[in-house]
Amino acid sequence: MGSFLPNKIISKPSSNNSADSLNFIDLFCGCGGFTLGMERSGFKCLAAIDFNAETVAILHANLPHIKHVLHRDLTAFGPDELWK
């Protein structure tokens, strides 16, 4: 049975990666409910992004291990800018 998520969002760990998890980026993350559920399912969050400063602050406080929690409006920039 194939994955229902595009390969650009999740990927298998490389052979030199010691983690046994799949990675994801939480777009429109809110306060992190989806992120928490994905992590409890074995996924690793690489970044979380939302335009609401209050929800971003809550996610960052509750899930401080996520290194890249961004307060950005995803409708205001293209995918190439996401890597910056």
C-alpha atoms as a PDB file:
ATOM      1  CA  MET A   1       0.000   0.000   0.000  1.00  0.00           C
ATOM      2  CA  GLY A   2       1.502   3.371  -1.011  1.00  0.00           C
ATOM      3  CA  SER A   3       1.777   6.540   1.008  1.00  0.00           C
ATOM      4  CA  PHE A   4      -1.016   9.056   0.585  1.00  0.00           C
ATOM      5  CA  LEU A   5       1.369  11.975   1.215  1.00  0.00           C
ATOM      6  CA  PRO A   6       3.608  13.440  -1.521  1.00  0.00           C
ATOM      7  CA  ASN A   7       7.274  12.452  -1.338  1.00  0.00           C
ATOM      8  CA  LYS A   8       8.251  16.133  -1.085  1.00  0.00           C
ATOM      9  CA  ILE A   9       6.679  16.373   2.378  1.00  0.00           C
ATOM     10  CA  ILE A  10       7.939  13.138   3.900  1.00  0.00           C
ATOM     11  CA  SER A  11      11.016  11.133   3.139  1.00  0.00           C
ATOM     12  CA  LYS A  12      12.678   8.015   4.445  1.00  0.00           C
ATOM     13  CA  PRO A  13      15.773   8.644   6.553  1.00  0.00           C
ATOM     14  CA  SER A  14      19.043   8.289   4.683  1.00  0.00           C
ATOM     15  CA  SER A  15      21.262   5.318   5.471  1.00  0.00           C
ATOM     16  CA  ASN A  16      23.671   7.528   7.434  1.00  0.00           C
ATOM     17  CA  ASN A  17      20.860   8.965   9.583  1.00  0.00           C
ATOM     18  CA  SER A  18      20.515   7.173  12.910  1.00  0.00           C
ATOM     19  CA  ALA A  19      16.882   8.225  13.385  1.00  0.00           C
ATOM     20  CA  ASP A  20      14.238   5.671  12.488  1.00  0.00           C
ATOM     21  CA  SER A  21      11.570   8.261  11.723  1.00  0.00           C
ATOM     22  CA  LEU A  22       9.969  10.015   8.799  1.00  0.00           C
ATOM     23  CA  ASN A  23      10.264  13.803   8.539  1.00  0.00           C
ATOM     24  CA  PHE A  24       7.602  16.448   7.932  1.00  0.00           C
ATOM     25  CA  ILE A  25       7.052  20.215   7.875  1.00  0.00           C
ATOM     26  CA  ASP A  26       3.866  21.489   9.523  1.00  0.00           C
ATOM     27  CA  LEU A  27       2.386  24.233   7.339  1.00  0.00           C
ATOM     28  CA  PHE A  28      -0.347  26.327   9.003  1.00  0.00           C
ATOM     29  CA  CYS A  29       0.688  24.702  12.305  1.00  0.00           C
ATOM     30  CA  GLY A  30      -1.501  26.613  14.736  1.00  0.00           C
ATOM     31  CA  CYS A  31      -0.598  25.700  18.310  1.00  0.00           C
ATOM     32  CA  GLY A  32       0.757  22.284  17.343  1.00  0.00           C
ATOM     33  CA  GLY A  33      -2.013  19.701  17.653  1.00  0.00           C
ATOM     34  CA  PHE A  34      -1.194  18.113  14.296  1.00  0.00           C
ATOM     35  CA  THR A  35       2.534  18.269  15.076  1.00  0.00           C
ATOM     36  CA  LEU A  36       2.023  16.501  18.395  1.00  0.00           C
ATOM     37  CA  GLY A  37      -0.067  13.776  16.768  1.00  0.00           C
ATOM     38  CA  MET A  38       2.486  13.217  14.027  1.00  0.00           C
ATOM     39  CA  GLU A  39       5.334  13.023  16.547  1.00  0.00           C
ATOM     40  CA  ARG A  40       3.407  10.517  18.652  1.00  0.00           C
ATOM     41  CA  SER A  41       3.016   8.476  15.454  1.00  0.00           C
ATOM     42  CA  GLY A  42       6.786   8.364  14.950  1.00  0.00           C
ATOM     43  CA  PHE A  43       7.340  11.314  12.609  1.00  0.00           C
ATOM     44  CA  LYS A  44       9.943  14.053  13.202  1.00  0.00           C
ATOM     45  CA  CYS A  45       8.941  17.699  12.709  1.00  0.00           C
ATOM     46  CA  LEU A  46      11.666  19.651  10.902  1.00  0.00           C
ATOM     47  CA  ALA A  47       9.809  22.983  10.944  1.00  0.00           C
ATOM     48  CA  ALA A  48       6.448  24.526  11.783  1.00  0.00           C
ATOM     49  CA  ILE A  49       5.014  27.660  10.164  1.00  0.00           C
ATOM     50  CA  ASP A  50       1.962  29.844  10.860  1.00  0.00           C
ATOM     51  CA  PHE A  51       0.952  33.498  10.411  1.00  0.00           C
ATOM     52  CA  ASN A  52      -0.602  33.840  13.894  1.00  0.00           C
ATOM     53  CA  ALA A  53       2.012  35.048  16.394  1.00  0.00           C
ATOM     54  CA  GLU A  54       0.073  33.796  19.451  1.00  0.00           C
ATOM     55  CA  THR A  55      -0.281  30.225  18.185  1.00  0.00           C
ATOM     56  CA  VAL A  56       3.363  30.149  17.069  1.00  0.00           C
ATOM     57  CA  ALA A  57       4.407  31.215  20.589  1.00  0.00           C
ATOM     58  CA  ILE A  58       2.241  28.460  22.114  1.00  0.00           C
ATOM     59  CA  LEU A  59       3.695  25.810  19.790  1.00  0.00           C
ATOM     60  CA  HIS A  60       7.232  26.977  20.567  1.00  0.00           C
ATOM     61  CA  ALA A  61       6.529  26.877  24.328  1.00  0.00           C
ATOM     62  CA  ASN A  62       4.914  23.420  24.213  1.00  0.00           C
ATOM     63  CA  LEU A  63       7.301  21.825  21.705  1.00  0.00           C
ATOM     64  CA  PRO A  64      10.656  23.565  22.294  1.00  0.00           C
ATOM     65  CA  HIS A  65      12.625  20.762  20.611  1.00  0.00           C
ATOM     66  CA  ILE A  66      11.377  21.916  17.186  1.00  0.00           C
ATOM     67  CA  LYS A  67      14.269  24.059  15.988  1.00  0.00           C
ATOM     68  CA  HIS A  68      12.485  26.011  13.260  1.00  0.00           C
ATOM     69  CA  VAL A  69       9.186  27.533  14.370  1.00  0.00           C
ATOM     70  CA  LEU A  70       8.437  30.390  12.006  1.00  0.00           C
ATOM     71  CA  HIS A  71       5.952  33.251  12.229  1.00  0.00           C
ATOM     72  CA  ARG A  72       5.349  33.782   8.499  1.00  0.00           C
ATOM     73  CA  ASP A  73       2.396  34.178   6.148  1.00  0.00           C
ATOM     74  CA  LEU A  74       2.721  31.326   3.664  1.00  0.00           C
ATOM     75  CA  THR A  75       0.493  33.110   1.169  1.00  0.00           C
ATOM     76  CA  ALA A  76       2.974  36.004   0.937  1.00  0.00           C
ATOM     77  CA  PHE A  77       6.035  34.149  -0.368  1.00  0.00           C
ATOM     78  CA  GLY A  78       6.918  31.301  -2.698  1.00  0.00           C
ATOM     79  CA  PRO A  79       8.359  27.848  -1.969  1.00  0.00           C
ATOM     80  CA  ASP A  80      11.899  28.947  -2.890  1.00  0.00           C
ATOM     81  CA  GLU A  81      11.878  31.397   0.023  1.00  0.00           C
ATOM     82  CA  LEU A  82      10.907  28.657   2.504  1.00  0.00           C
ATOM     83  CA  TRP A  83      14.477  27.307   2.534  1.00  0.00           C
ATOM     84  CA  LYS A  84      15.861  30.648   3.711  1.00  0.00           C
END
